[in-house]
Amino acid sequence: MADSVAAGLGDENEPEKEDNEKEKRLFSGVKNTEKQAAASDVTETLGFYERKAKCKERKSNVSDLSLVRFISAELTRGYFLEHNEAKYTERRERVYTCLRIPKELEKLMLFGFFLCLDVFLYVFTLLPLRVLLALIRLLTLPCCGLSGSRILQPAQVCDVLKGFIMVLCYFMMHYVDYSMMYHLIRGQSVIKLYIIYNMLEVADRLFSSFGQDILDALYWTATEPKERKRAHIGVIPHFFMAVLYVFLHAILIMVQATTLNVAFNSHNKSLLTIMMSNNFVEIKGSVFKKFEKNNLFQMSNSDIKERFTNYTLLLIVCLRNMEQFSWNPDHLWVLFPDVCMVIASEIAVDVVKHAFITKFNDITADVYSEYRASLAFDLVSSRQKNAYTDYSDSVSRRMGFIPLPLALLLIRVVTSSVKIQGSLSIVCVVLFYLGMITLKVLNSILLLGKSCMYVKEAKMEEKLFQNPPSAAPSRVSSRANRTKHTREPPGEPAEEGMSASVTTQPTQRDECPAPQLPTSESDQFLTTPDESEDKSLIQDDAELKHRAPKKDLLEIDRFTICGNRID
């Protein structure tokens, strides 16, 4: 019985053991699958099969290997510039443009300098002869009788007015004591003189801007046709306004020359250094501004005028110093280094200023050849029979350079520094005058030759021989005639459209609108065209790219009289 009972219990325990073994196998299988899953996770993330302890050891080795690989990659990595070829080509062109700026700018400056010299010599050489001829004609008219409706031609009237202004202002300048002004300025402190010099530069630009308007108003009032209704205050008030302007502007330039003379004669040269540093402040005020081609043209003209004026002031300073040292040539060599330093600083400031302005505004160096061609066109067109203004007045409007005050000051300084005594001195003066006339003639011939060459290179020589539209009695009819003249050649290419803008340059400029549709580029963008005009406007838009720069350059003085105001 006991054995049977034990055997029965053993049989009952066997299935229990089997169940326990199955459960253990299941648990061991689950653990194995978990280990395999963990191993697979390690394989997917780290790329090798190791335990956690070994993995920690290998991680440090892997980090060392990745740092070496990073350094080696940094040392050996490469790149291809041709993938961004346009960008690097543009950067290289900018460098080449900056390298070309000094050459192109100095070409323009040299041409403009000789233009100002030609106008300046005209006041001393040809203007007195023209005034003399006009006075002879005026005095001989009662004997010869009136041959025409005019007693004097408009150009002769303007010459006589210029001559009278110069004579009156010259006698008025005798009441200004240069020595007293010199000692008065020398007694001021350096900071005061620096402020005074800056104020004088600003006042000079303002005087130049308003002075040419005063002179133009006088010339037009004196030569306006008499049949028109009087809309002015009279010739005599305009004449006295012009005399007052020239006198005040000459005194202002005299104060500038005196301040520069004090700077040259100072012992420590501190004032001269401060005045030279003032030129570099000009870079800060102009480089970081947005400039268009027209604005850069105005600035270039202003720089030409400023450089010529500074050279004339240096000449006046040298004359005054040489007079004080009894014309000892050794003292000239003492002044020579300071003069060279002032000139070098002026040139360096202009080059740096224009180089960075062209760089920041993406303007090519070829634009200076366009500026030179525009100035040359003014010179050539002023020699035409149908010219509407004298060339000296045209330069005054372009550059803001008015030669009358500066010439008056130079005459005053030379007559007070050089004493004429005896017949030999008179002969020397006559020979010097003949030499100035020779220099003026040679300079004019060379400028005309160069100007014709520049106009031919710019393909504007055909426009010089086209007759401008005749002046109408009213502004509306004048504008209508001008629009009709520009619309005459409808079948010409874009170059002919450019010629219309050029040929309108030596004509009278009016601002009143006409009843006809305007043909200028600004009006085309401002007016709303009809459907029938869409095709013509599309064709005109293609021509605007070629026509706009030259038209804008030739019409600069339409909205800025002297070219000094930067819009």
Foldseek 3Di string as FASTA:
>chain_A
DVVVVVVVVVVVVVVVVVVVVVVVVVVVVVVVVVVVVVQVVCCVPPNDGDDPVVVVVVVVVVVVVVVVVVVVCVVPPDDDPVVVVVVVVVVVQLVVQLVCLLVLLVVLLVLLLLLVVLLLLCVQFVLVVLQVVLVVLLVCCVVVDDPDPDSDDLVSVLSVLLVVLLVVLLVVCVVDDLVVLLVVLLPDDLVVLLVLLVVLVVVLLVLLQVLLVLSVVLSCQVNPDPVDDDDDDHNVVSSVVNSVSLNVSLVSLSSNLSSVLSLLPDDVSPSVVSVLVVLLVVLVVQLPDQDDLLLVLLVSLQLSLVLSSVVLSVVLSVLVVCLVVVNDVVVVVVSVVSVVVSNVSSSVSVSVSVSSNCSVHVNGSCSSLLSSLLLLLLLVLQPDPLFPDHSSSVSCQSRSHDNSSSSSNVVSSVPVRDDQDDPVSVVVVVVVNVVSVVVSVVSSVVSNVVNVVSNVVVVQPVLSPDDAFDDDPDLQVRVVSLQVVLPPPVPDALVSNLSSLSNCLRDDDDDDYYPDQHDDPVSLVVDDDDPVCPVVSVRVVVSCVVRVPSSCSSCSSVPRRRSNDRD
